[in-house]
Amino acid sequence: MSHFDEKDLLKLMKLSKIECSQEEKDRFYTALSRVVTYIDQLTEVDTEGVAPCNHILETITNVMRDDEIGQTLSRDTFLSNAPSHVGGMVRVPPIIKTSNS
């Protein structure tokens, strides 16, 4: 059985970089203790012969539409919406600076 104590709570707070009042610590300690207890109960369930489940819905299908070519903007219309362009392309700020620049 797993054990959750105040030392574990303080470690989680440090890793999460959160600060809590004593009242919040008490509430979190109670809630997390219950979660750990519940998980311990789940380990007692006999799962022998149960196949692993990758997804709870076995009949799930892709709900996305097919990609279809539709009406596109003309280059001039597209570039008129860009804040800056050069040579028929949108100009963007450099993200990598070289020592030669």
PDB file of N, CA and C in Angstrom:
ATOM      1  N   MET A   1       0.827  -1.188   0.000  1.00  0.00           N
ATOM      2  CA  MET A   1       0.000   0.000   0.000  1.00  0.00           C
ATOM      3  C   MET A   1       0.868   1.247   0.000  1.00  0.00           C
ATOM      4  N   SER A   2       0.454   2.243  -0.742  1.00  0.00           N
ATOM      5  CA  SER A   2       1.171   3.513  -0.783  1.00  0.00           C
ATOM      6  C   SER A   2       0.837   4.318   0.456  1.00  0.00           C
ATOM      7  N   HIS A   3       1.748   5.182   0.814  1.00  0.00           N
ATOM      8  CA  HIS A   3       1.527   6.041   1.966  1.00  0.00           C
ATOM      9  C   HIS A   3       1.778   7.481   1.536  1.00  0.00           C
ATOM     10  N   PHE A   4       0.864   8.359   1.860  1.00  0.00           N
ATOM     11  CA  PHE A   4       0.993   9.773   1.535  1.00  0.00           C
ATOM     12  C   PHE A   4       1.012  10.542   2.841  1.00  0.00           C
ATOM     13  N   ASP A   5       2.076  11.302   3.059  1.00  0.00           N
ATOM     14  CA  ASP A   5       2.157  12.075   4.298  1.00  0.00           C
ATOM     15  C   ASP A   5       2.479  13.534   4.002  1.00  0.00           C
ATOM     16  N   GLU A   6       2.616  14.303   5.047  1.00  0.00           N
ATOM     17  CA  GLU A   6       2.841  15.746   4.874  1.00  0.00           C
ATOM     18  C   GLU A   6       4.171  16.015   4.171  1.00  0.00           C
ATOM     19  N   LYS A   7       5.145  15.161   4.377  1.00  0.00           N
ATOM     20  CA  LYS A   7       6.440  15.297   3.702  1.00  0.00           C
ATOM     21  C   LYS A   7       6.246  15.213   2.182  1.00  0.00           C
ATOM     22  N   ASP A   8       5.386  14.290   1.734  1.00  0.00           N
ATOM     23  CA  ASP A   8       5.093  14.162   0.303  1.00  0.00           C
ATOM     24  C   ASP A   8       4.393  15.415  -0.220  1.00  0.00           C
ATOM     25  N   LEU A   9       3.478  15.952   0.576  1.00  0.00           N
ATOM     26  CA  LEU A   9       2.777  17.173   0.178  1.00  0.00           C
ATOM     27  C   LEU A   9       3.760  18.327   0.019  1.00  0.00           C
ATOM     28  N   LEU A  10       4.673  18.479   0.965  1.00  0.00           N
ATOM     29  CA  LEU A  10       5.671  19.556   0.876  1.00  0.00           C
ATOM     30  C   LEU A  10       6.569  19.376  -0.344  1.00  0.00           C
ATOM     31  N   LYS A  11       6.904  18.126  -0.664  1.00  0.00           N
ATOM     32  CA  LYS A  11       7.721  17.857  -1.847  1.00  0.00           C
ATOM     33  C   LYS A  11       6.957  18.244  -3.117  1.00  0.00           C
ATOM     34  N   LEU A  12       5.661  17.884  -3.175  1.00  0.00           N
ATOM     35  CA  LEU A  12       4.846  18.255  -4.335  1.00  0.00           C
ATOM     36  C   LEU A  12       4.737  19.769  -4.476  1.00  0.00           C
ATOM     37  N   MET A  13       4.578  20.462  -3.352  1.00  0.00           N
ATOM     38  CA  MET A  13       4.494  21.920  -3.395  1.00  0.00           C
ATOM     39  C   MET A  13       5.796  22.520  -3.926  1.00  0.00           C
ATOM     40  N   LYS A  14       6.915  21.963  -3.495  1.00  0.00           N
ATOM     41  CA  LYS A  14       8.210  22.463  -3.959  1.00  0.00           C
ATOM     42  C   LYS A  14       8.384  22.203  -5.459  1.00  0.00           C
ATOM     43  N   LEU A  15       8.058  20.984  -5.907  1.00  0.00           N
ATOM     44  CA  LEU A  15       8.185  20.649  -7.328  1.00  0.00           C
ATOM     45  C   LEU A  15       7.243  21.491  -8.188  1.00  0.00           C
ATOM     46  N   SER A  16       6.053  21.790  -7.651  1.00  0.00           N
ATOM     47  CA  SER A  16       5.058  22.572  -8.389  1.00  0.00           C
ATOM     48  C   SER A  16       5.303  24.068  -8.280  1.00  0.00           C
ATOM     49  N   LYS A  17       6.213  24.426  -7.383  1.00  0.00           N
ATOM     50  CA  LYS A  17       6.529  25.835  -7.134  1.00  0.00           C
ATOM     51  C   LYS A  17       5.280  26.619  -6.754  1.00  0.00           C
ATOM     52  N   ILE A  18       4.528  26.053  -5.806  1.00  0.00           N
ATOM     53  CA  ILE A  18       3.350  26.748  -5.299  1.00  0.00           C
ATOM     54  C   ILE A  18       3.499  26.942  -3.795  1.00  0.00           C
ATOM     55  N   GLU A  19       2.893  27.996  -3.313  1.00  0.00           N
ATOM     56  CA  GLU A  19       2.864  28.256  -1.883  1.00  0.00           C
ATOM     57  C   GLU A  19       1.417  28.174  -1.441  1.00  0.00           C
ATOM     58  N   CYS A  20       1.197  27.606  -0.266  1.00  0.00           N
ATOM     59  CA  CYS A  20      -0.161  27.416   0.247  1.00  0.00           C
ATOM     60  C   CYS A  20      -0.230  27.866   1.692  1.00  0.00           C
ATOM     61  N   SER A  21      -1.390  28.335   2.062  1.00  0.00           N
ATOM     62  CA  SER A  21      -1.640  28.626   3.472  1.00  0.00           C
ATOM     63  C   SER A  21      -1.822  27.296   4.190  1.00  0.00           C
ATOM     64  N   GLN A  22      -1.825  27.335   5.508  1.00  0.00           N
ATOM     65  CA  GLN A  22      -2.009  26.098   6.273  1.00  0.00           C
ATOM     66  C   GLN A  22      -3.372  25.477   5.976  1.00  0.00           C
ATOM     67  N   GLU A  23      -4.389  26.314   5.793  1.00  0.00           N
ATOM     68  CA  GLU A  23      -5.725  25.809   5.469  1.00  0.00           C
ATOM     69  C   GLU A  23      -5.720  25.089   4.124  1.00  0.00           C
ATOM     70  N   GLU A  24      -5.034  25.677   3.137  1.00  0.00           N
ATOM     71  CA  GLU A  24      -4.936  25.041   1.818  1.00  0.00           C
ATOM     72  C   GLU A  24      -4.146  23.740   1.898  1.00  0.00           C
ATOM     73  N   LYS A  25      -3.076  23.731   2.676  1.00  0.00           N
ATOM     74  CA  LYS A  25      -2.296  22.504   2.847  1.00  0.00           C
ATOM     75  C   LYS A  25      -3.168  21.393   3.425  1.00  0.00           C
ATOM     76  N   ASP A  26      -3.968  21.744   4.431  1.00  0.00           N
ATOM     77  CA  ASP A  26      -4.840  20.745   5.052  1.00  0.00           C
ATOM     78  C   ASP A  26      -5.829  20.179   4.045  1.00  0.00           C
ATOM     79  N   ARG A  27      -6.424  21.070   3.234  1.00  0.00           N
ATOM     80  CA  ARG A  27      -7.392  20.612   2.228  1.00  0.00           C
ATOM     81  C   ARG A  27      -6.719  19.736   1.183  1.00  0.00           C
ATOM     82  N   PHE A  28      -5.549  20.171   0.680  1.00  0.00           N
ATOM     83  CA  PHE A  28      -4.834  19.388  -0.326  1.00  0.00           C
ATOM     84  C   PHE A  28      -4.397  18.044   0.235  1.00  0.00           C
ATOM     85  N   TYR A  29      -3.928  18.056   1.491  1.00  0.00           N
ATOM     86  CA  TYR A  29      -3.486  16.808   2.105  1.00  0.00           C
ATOM     87  C   TYR A  29      -4.647  15.818   2.179  1.00  0.00           C
ATOM     88  N   THR A  30      -5.803  16.291   2.611  1.00  0.00           N
ATOM     89  CA  THR A  30      -6.979  15.423   2.710  1.00  0.00           C
ATOM     90  C   THR A  30      -7.376  14.883   1.341  1.00  0.00           C
ATOM     91  N   ALA A  31      -7.446  15.772   0.350  1.00  0.00           N
ATOM     92  CA  ALA A  31      -7.864  15.357  -0.997  1.00  0.00           C
ATOM     93  C   ALA A  31      -6.870  14.377  -1.611  1.00  0.00           C
ATOM     94  N   LEU A  32      -5.578  14.666  -1.527  1.00  0.00           N
ATOM     95  CA  LEU A  32      -4.575  13.795  -2.132  1.00  0.00           C
ATOM     96  C   LEU A  32      -4.471  12.460  -1.399  1.00  0.00           C
ATOM     97  N   SER A  33      -4.682  12.469  -0.101  1.00  0.00           N
ATOM     98  CA  SER A  33      -4.701  11.210   0.648  1.00  0.00           C
ATOM     99  C   SER A  33      -5.830  10.318   0.166  1.00  0.00           C
ATOM    100  N   ARG A  34      -6.980  10.921  -0.089  1.00  0.00           N
ATOM    101  CA  ARG A  34      -8.115  10.150  -0.602  1.00  0.00           C
ATOM    102  C   ARG A  34      -7.812   9.571  -1.981  1.00  0.00           C
ATOM    103  N   VAL A  35      -7.138  10.345  -2.836  1.00  0.00           N
ATOM    104  CA  VAL A  35      -6.781   9.865  -4.174  1.00  0.00           C
ATOM    105  C   VAL A  35      -5.843   8.670  -4.064  1.00  0.00           C
ATOM    106  N   VAL A  36      -4.826   8.786  -3.226  1.00  0.00           N
ATOM    107  CA  VAL A  36      -3.865   7.689  -3.063  1.00  0.00           C
ATOM    108  C   VAL A  36      -4.565   6.448  -2.509  1.00  0.00           C
ATOM    109  N   THR A  37      -5.477   6.644  -1.558  1.00  0.00           N
ATOM    110  CA  THR A  37      -6.234   5.514  -1.003  1.00  0.00           C
ATOM    111  C   THR A  37      -7.070   4.849  -2.085  1.00  0.00           C
ATOM    112  N   TYR A  38      -7.707   5.646  -2.926  1.00  0.00           N
ATOM    113  CA  TYR A  38      -8.520   5.090  -4.004  1.00  0.00           C
ATOM    114  C   TYR A  38      -7.662   4.307  -4.997  1.00  0.00           C
ATOM    115  N   ILE A  39      -6.511   4.847  -5.334  1.00  0.00           N
ATOM    116  CA  ILE A  39      -5.608   4.145  -6.259  1.00  0.00           C
ATOM    117  C   ILE A  39      -5.155   2.826  -5.651  1.00  0.00           C
ATOM    118  N   ASP A  40      -4.894   2.827  -4.352  1.00  0.00           N
ATOM    119  CA  ASP A  40      -4.537   1.578  -3.673  1.00  0.00           C
ATOM    120  C   ASP A  40      -5.658   0.553  -3.790  1.00  0.00           C
ATOM    121  N   GLN A  41      -6.900   1.006  -3.693  1.00  0.00           N
ATOM    122  CA  GLN A  41      -8.035   0.099  -3.840  1.00  0.00           C
ATOM    123  C   GLN A  41      -8.072  -0.493  -5.252  1.00  0.00           C
ATOM    124  N   LEU A  42      -7.728   0.316  -6.247  1.00  0.00           N
ATOM    125  CA  LEU A  42      -7.742  -0.175  -7.623  1.00  0.00           C
ATOM    126  C   LEU A  42      -6.709  -1.274  -7.850  1.00  0.00           C
ATOM    127  N   THR A  43      -5.600  -1.227  -7.138  1.00  0.00           N
ATOM    128  CA  THR A  43      -4.576  -2.252  -7.315  1.00  0.00           C
ATOM    129  C   THR A  43      -5.041  -3.604  -6.800  1.00  0.00           C
ATOM    130  N   GLU A  44      -6.090  -3.617  -5.976  1.00  0.00           N
ATOM    131  CA  GLU A  44      -6.615  -4.863  -5.435  1.00  0.00           C
ATOM    132  C   GLU A  44      -7.584  -5.560  -6.388  1.00  0.00           C
ATOM    133  N   VAL A  45      -7.987  -4.885  -7.455  1.00  0.00           N
ATOM    134  CA  VAL A  45      -8.941  -5.449  -8.407  1.00  0.00           C
ATOM    135  C   VAL A  45      -8.233  -6.502  -9.257  1.00  0.00           C
ATOM    136  N   ASP A  46      -8.878  -7.644  -9.418  1.00  0.00           N
ATOM    137  CA  ASP A  46      -8.320  -8.727 -10.222  1.00  0.00           C
ATOM    138  C   ASP A  46      -8.507  -8.403 -11.702  1.00  0.00           C
ATOM    139  N   THR A  47      -7.422  -8.170 -12.398  1.00  0.00           N
ATOM    140  CA  THR A  47      -7.480  -7.844 -13.826  1.00  0.00           C
ATOM    141  C   THR A  47      -6.879  -8.952 -14.682  1.00  0.00           C
ATOM    142  N   GLU A  48      -6.717 -10.115 -14.095  1.00  0.00           N
ATOM    143  CA  GLU A  48      -6.159 -11.252 -14.832  1.00  0.00           C
ATOM    144  C   GLU A  48      -7.058 -11.578 -16.023  1.00  0.00           C
ATOM    145  N   GLY A  49      -6.467 -11.641 -17.209  1.00  0.00           N
ATOM    146  CA  GLY A  49      -7.218 -11.984 -18.408  1.00  0.00           C
ATOM    147  C   GLY A  49      -7.940 -10.812 -19.056  1.00  0.00           C
ATOM    148  N   VAL A  50      -7.795  -9.622 -18.502  1.00  0.00           N
ATOM    149  CA  VAL A  50      -8.433  -8.434 -19.091  1.00  0.00           C
ATOM    150  C   VAL A  50      -7.435  -7.794 -20.047  1.00  0.00           C
ATOM    151  N   ALA A  51      -7.852  -7.615 -21.277  1.00  0.00           N
ATOM    152  CA  ALA A  51      -6.955  -7.036 -22.288  1.00  0.00           C
ATOM    153  C   ALA A  51      -6.731  -5.553 -21.997  1.00  0.00           C
ATOM    154  N   PRO A  52      -5.536  -5.056 -22.295  1.00  0.00           N
ATOM    155  CA  PRO A  52      -5.271  -3.627 -22.126  1.00  0.00           C
ATOM    156  C   PRO A  52      -6.216  -2.802 -22.989  1.00  0.00           C
ATOM    157  N   CYS A  53      -6.555  -1.646 -22.510  1.00  0.00           N
ATOM    158  CA  CYS A  53      -7.489  -0.771 -23.223  1.00  0.00           C
ATOM    159  C   CYS A  53      -6.759   0.503 -23.624  1.00  0.00           C
ATOM    160  N   ASN A  54      -6.591   0.702 -24.919  1.00  0.00           N
ATOM    161  CA  ASN A  54      -5.932   1.911 -25.399  1.00  0.00           C
ATOM    162  C   ASN A  54      -6.874   3.092 -25.453  1.00  0.00           C
ATOM    163  N   HIS A  55      -8.149   2.814 -25.595  1.00  0.00           N
ATOM    164  CA  HIS A  55      -9.149   3.880 -25.668  1.00  0.00           C
ATOM    165  C   HIS A  55     -10.469   3.315 -25.172  1.00  0.00           C
ATOM    166  N   ILE A  56     -11.221   4.124 -24.447  1.00  0.00           N
ATOM    167  CA  ILE A  56     -12.464   3.602 -23.870  1.00  0.00           C
ATOM    168  C   ILE A  56     -13.543   3.360 -24.909  1.00  0.00           C
ATOM    169  N   LEU A  57     -13.442   4.030 -26.032  1.00  0.00           N
ATOM    170  CA  LEU A  57     -14.425   3.837 -27.090  1.00  0.00           C
ATOM    171  C   LEU A  57     -13.806   3.015 -28.203  1.00  0.00           C
ATOM    172  N   GLU A  58     -14.216   1.780 -28.308  1.00  0.00           N
ATOM    173  CA  GLU A  58     -13.635   0.903 -29.322  1.00  0.00           C
ATOM    174  C   GLU A  58     -14.110   1.247 -30.722  1.00  0.00           C
ATOM    175  N   THR A  59     -15.246   1.916 -30.827  1.00  0.00           N
ATOM    176  CA  THR A  59     -15.803   2.228 -32.147  1.00  0.00           C
ATOM    177  C   THR A  59     -15.502   3.662 -32.566  1.00  0.00           C
ATOM    178  N   ILE A  60     -14.503   4.261 -31.980  1.00  0.00           N
ATOM    179  CA  ILE A  60     -14.201   5.658 -32.305  1.00  0.00           C
ATOM    180  C   ILE A  60     -13.733   5.767 -33.750  1.00  0.00           C
ATOM    181  N   THR A  61     -14.195   6.795 -34.426  1.00  0.00           N
ATOM    182  CA  THR A  61     -13.775   7.056 -35.801  1.00  0.00           C
ATOM    183  C   THR A  61     -13.292   8.485 -35.908  1.00  0.00           C
ATOM    184  N   ASN A  62     -12.536   8.739 -36.932  1.00  0.00           N
ATOM    185  CA  ASN A  62     -12.038  10.084 -37.164  1.00  0.00           C
ATOM    186  C   ASN A  62     -13.218  10.985 -37.536  1.00  0.00           C
ATOM    187  N   VAL A  63     -13.413  12.032 -36.757  1.00  0.00           N
ATOM    188  CA  VAL A  63     -14.548  12.914 -36.997  1.00  0.00           C
ATOM    189  C   VAL A  63     -14.149  14.151 -37.790  1.00  0.00           C
ATOM    190  N   MET A  64     -12.913  14.174 -38.254  1.00  0.00           N
ATOM    191  CA  MET A  64     -12.457  15.332 -39.026  1.00  0.00           C
ATOM    192  C   MET A  64     -12.876  15.173 -40.483  1.00  0.00           C
ATOM    193  N   ARG A  65     -13.089  16.290 -41.120  1.00  0.00           N
ATOM    194  CA  ARG A  65     -13.511  16.258 -42.522  1.00  0.00           C
ATOM    195  C   ARG A  65     -12.316  15.980 -43.422  1.00  0.00           C
ATOM    196  N   ASP A  66     -12.580  15.546 -44.628  1.00  0.00           N
ATOM    197  CA  ASP A  66     -11.532  15.341 -45.612  1.00  0.00           C
ATOM    198  C   ASP A  66     -10.989  16.688 -46.066  1.00  0.00           C
ATOM    199  N   ASP A  67      -9.698  16.729 -46.356  1.00  0.00           N
ATOM    200  CA  ASP A  67      -9.103  17.946 -46.905  1.00  0.00           C
ATOM    201  C   ASP A  67      -9.527  18.078 -48.354  1.00  0.00           C
ATOM    202  N   GLU A  68     -10.090  19.203 -48.660  1.00  0.00           N
ATOM    203  CA  GLU A  68     -10.510  19.471 -50.031  1.00  0.00           C
ATOM    204  C   GLU A  68     -10.035  20.853 -50.429  1.00  0.00           C
ATOM    205  N   ILE A  69      -9.538  20.966 -51.643  1.00  0.00           N
ATOM    206  CA  ILE A  69      -9.089  22.264 -52.136  1.00  0.00           C
ATOM    207  C   ILE A  69     -10.318  23.122 -52.391  1.00  0.00           C
ATOM    208  N   GLY A  70     -10.290  24.299 -51.818  1.00  0.00           N
ATOM    209  CA  GLY A  70     -11.409  25.217 -51.991  1.00  0.00           C
ATOM    210  C   GLY A  70     -10.921  26.512 -52.608  1.00  0.00           C
ATOM    211  N   GLN A  71     -11.734  27.524 -52.495  1.00  0.00           N
ATOM    212  CA  GLN A  71     -11.377  28.825 -53.044  1.00  0.00           C
ATOM    213  C   GLN A  71     -10.257  29.430 -52.211  1.00  0.00           C
ATOM    214  N   THR A  72      -9.239  29.950 -52.859  1.00  0.00           N
ATOM    215  CA  THR A  72      -8.118  30.564 -52.157  1.00  0.00           C
ATOM    216  C   THR A  72      -8.037  32.039 -52.508  1.00  0.00           C
ATOM    217  N   LEU A  73      -7.300  32.763 -51.685  1.00  0.00           N
ATOM    218  CA  LEU A  73      -7.095  34.188 -51.943  1.00  0.00           C
ATOM    219  C   LEU A  73      -6.075  34.371 -53.064  1.00  0.00           C
ATOM    220  N   SER A  74      -6.225  35.419 -53.807  1.00  0.00           N
ATOM    221  CA  SER A  74      -5.203  35.737 -54.805  1.00  0.00           C
ATOM    222  C   SER A  74      -3.968  36.229 -54.059  1.00  0.00           C
ATOM    223  N   ARG A  75      -2.828  36.140 -54.688  1.00  0.00           N
ATOM    224  CA  ARG A  75      -1.580  36.573 -54.057  1.00  0.00           C
ATOM    225  C   ARG A  75      -1.665  38.042 -53.650  1.00  0.00           C
ATOM    226  N   ASP A  76      -2.222  38.890 -54.532  1.00  0.00           N
ATOM    227  CA  ASP A  76      -2.311  40.317 -54.212  1.00  0.00           C
ATOM    228  C   ASP A  76      -3.197  40.564 -52.991  1.00  0.00           C
ATOM    229  N   THR A  77      -4.328  39.862 -52.901  1.00  0.00           N
ATOM    230  CA  THR A  77      -5.212  40.023 -51.747  1.00  0.00           C
ATOM    231  C   THR A  77      -4.524  39.539 -50.480  1.00  0.00           C
ATOM    232  N   PHE A  78      -3.840  38.403 -50.593  1.00  0.00           N
ATOM    233  CA  PHE A  78      -3.133  37.860 -49.443  1.00  0.00           C
ATOM    234  C   PHE A  78      -2.060  38.827 -48.961  1.00  0.00           C
ATOM    235  N   LEU A  79      -1.243  39.323 -49.879  1.00  0.00           N
ATOM    236  CA  LEU A  79      -0.162  40.229 -49.504  1.00  0.00           C
ATOM    237  C   LEU A  79      -0.678  41.567 -48.998  1.00  0.00           C
ATOM    238  N   SER A  80      -1.869  41.981 -49.449  1.00  0.00           N
ATOM    239  CA  SER A  80      -2.418  43.257 -48.963  1.00  0.00           C
ATOM    240  C   SER A  80      -2.776  43.159 -47.480  1.00  0.00           C
ATOM    241  N   ASN A  81      -2.962  41.956 -46.969  1.00  0.00           N
ATOM    242  CA  ASN A  81      -3.263  41.770 -45.549  1.00  0.00           C
ATOM    243  C   ASN A  81      -2.009  41.604 -44.690  1.00  0.00           C
ATOM    244  N   ALA A  82      -0.865  41.425 -45.323  1.00  0.00           N
ATOM    245  CA  ALA A  82       0.381  41.234 -44.586  1.00  0.00           C
ATOM    246  C   ALA A  82       0.943  42.588 -44.166  1.00  0.00           C
ATOM    247  N   PRO A  83       1.491  42.692 -42.971  1.00  0.00           N
ATOM    248  CA  PRO A  83       2.062  43.966 -42.536  1.00  0.00           C
ATOM    249  C   PRO A  83       3.273  44.385 -43.359  1.00  0.00           C
ATOM    250  N   SER A  84       4.009  43.397 -43.880  1.00  0.00           N
ATOM    251  CA  SER A  84       5.185  43.705 -44.692  1.00  0.00           C
ATOM    252  C   SER A  84       5.418  42.552 -45.658  1.00  0.00           C
ATOM    253  N   HIS A  85       5.802  42.899 -46.889  1.00  0.00           N
ATOM    254  CA  HIS A  85       6.112  41.840 -47.848  1.00  0.00           C
ATOM    255  C   HIS A  85       7.201  42.332 -48.784  1.00  0.00           C
ATOM    256  N   VAL A  86       7.911  41.370 -49.377  1.00  0.00           N
ATOM    257  CA  VAL A  86       8.981  41.679 -50.310  1.00  0.00           C
ATOM    258  C   VAL A  86       9.058  40.541 -51.328  1.00  0.00           C
ATOM    259  N   GLY A  87       9.151  40.867 -52.580  1.00  0.00           N
ATOM    260  CA  GLY A  87       9.301  39.874 -53.638  1.00  0.00           C
ATOM    261  C   GLY A  87       8.163  38.869 -53.698  1.00  0.00           C
ATOM    262  N   GLY A  88       6.944  39.279 -53.365  1.00  0.00           N
ATOM    263  CA  GLY A  88       5.799  38.380 -53.414  1.00  0.00           C
ATOM    264  C   GLY A  88       5.700  37.439 -52.234  1.00  0.00           C
ATOM    265  N   MET A  89       6.493  37.699 -51.183  1.00  0.00           N
ATOM    266  CA  MET A  89       6.470  36.855 -49.987  1.00  0.00           C
ATOM    267  C   MET A  89       6.265  37.732 -48.752  1.00  0.00           C
ATOM    268  N   VAL A  90       5.676  37.139 -47.732  1.00  0.00           N
ATOM    269  CA  VAL A  90       5.469  37.855 -46.476  1.00  0.00           C
ATOM    270  C   VAL A  90       6.813  37.995 -45.778  1.00  0.00           C
ATOM    271  N   ARG A  91       7.124  39.203 -45.336  1.00  0.00           N
ATOM    272  CA  ARG A  91       8.368  39.447 -44.609  1.00  0.00           C
ATOM    273  C   ARG A  91       8.085  39.264 -43.112  1.00  0.00           C
ATOM    274  N   VAL A  92       8.914  38.459 -42.465  1.00  0.00           N
ATOM    275  CA  VAL A  92       8.784  38.214 -41.028  1.00  0.00           C
ATOM    276  C   VAL A  92      10.097  38.585 -40.353  1.00  0.00           C
ATOM    277  N   PRO A  93      10.047  38.905 -39.074  1.00  0.00           N
ATOM    278  CA  PRO A  93      11.294  39.234 -38.375  1.00  0.00           C
ATOM    279  C   PRO A  93      12.199  38.011 -38.309  1.00  0.00           C
ATOM    280  N   PRO A  94      13.511  38.218 -38.344  1.00  0.00           N
ATOM    281  CA  PRO A  94      14.426  37.075 -38.250  1.00  0.00           C
ATOM    282  C   PRO A  94      14.321  36.426 -36.873  1.00  0.00           C
ATOM    283  N   ILE A  95      14.422  35.112 -36.843  1.00  0.00           N
ATOM    284  CA  ILE A  95      14.381  34.422 -35.565  1.00  0.00           C
ATOM    285  C   ILE A  95      15.740  33.847 -35.197  1.00  0.00           C
ATOM    286  N   ILE A  96      16.636  33.749 -36.171  1.00  0.00           N
ATOM    287  CA  ILE A  96      17.987  33.294 -35.923  1.00  0.00           C
ATOM    288  C   ILE A  96      18.944  34.351 -36.464  1.00  0.00           C
ATOM    289  N   LYS A  97      19.796  34.847 -35.595  1.00  0.00           N
ATOM    290  CA  LYS A  97      20.758  35.851 -36.028  1.00  0.00           C
ATOM    291  C   LYS A  97      22.127  35.195 -36.119  1.00  0.00           C
ATOM    292  N   THR A  98      22.798  35.447 -37.221  1.00  0.00           N
ATOM    293  CA  THR A  98      24.142  34.903 -37.398  1.00  0.00           C
ATOM    294  C   THR A  98      25.145  35.965 -37.003  1.00  0.00           C
ATOM    295  N   SER A  99      26.374  35.565 -36.832  1.00  0.00           N
ATOM    296  CA  SER A  99      27.424  36.517 -36.429  1.00  0.00           C
ATOM    297  C   SER A  99      27.738  37.488 -37.575  1.00  0.00           C
ATOM    298  N   ASN A 100      27.370  37.141 -38.813  1.00  0.00           N
ATOM    299  CA  ASN A 100      27.622  38.017 -39.951  1.00  0.00           C
ATOM    300  C   ASN A 100      26.606  39.141 -40.061  1.00  0.00           C
ATOM    301  N   SER A 101      25.474  39.012 -39.370  1.00  0.00           N
ATOM    302  CA  SER A 101      24.411  40.001 -39.490  1.00  0.00           C
ATOM    303  C   SER A 101      24.721  41.254 -38.742  1.00  0.00           C
TER     304      SER A 101
END
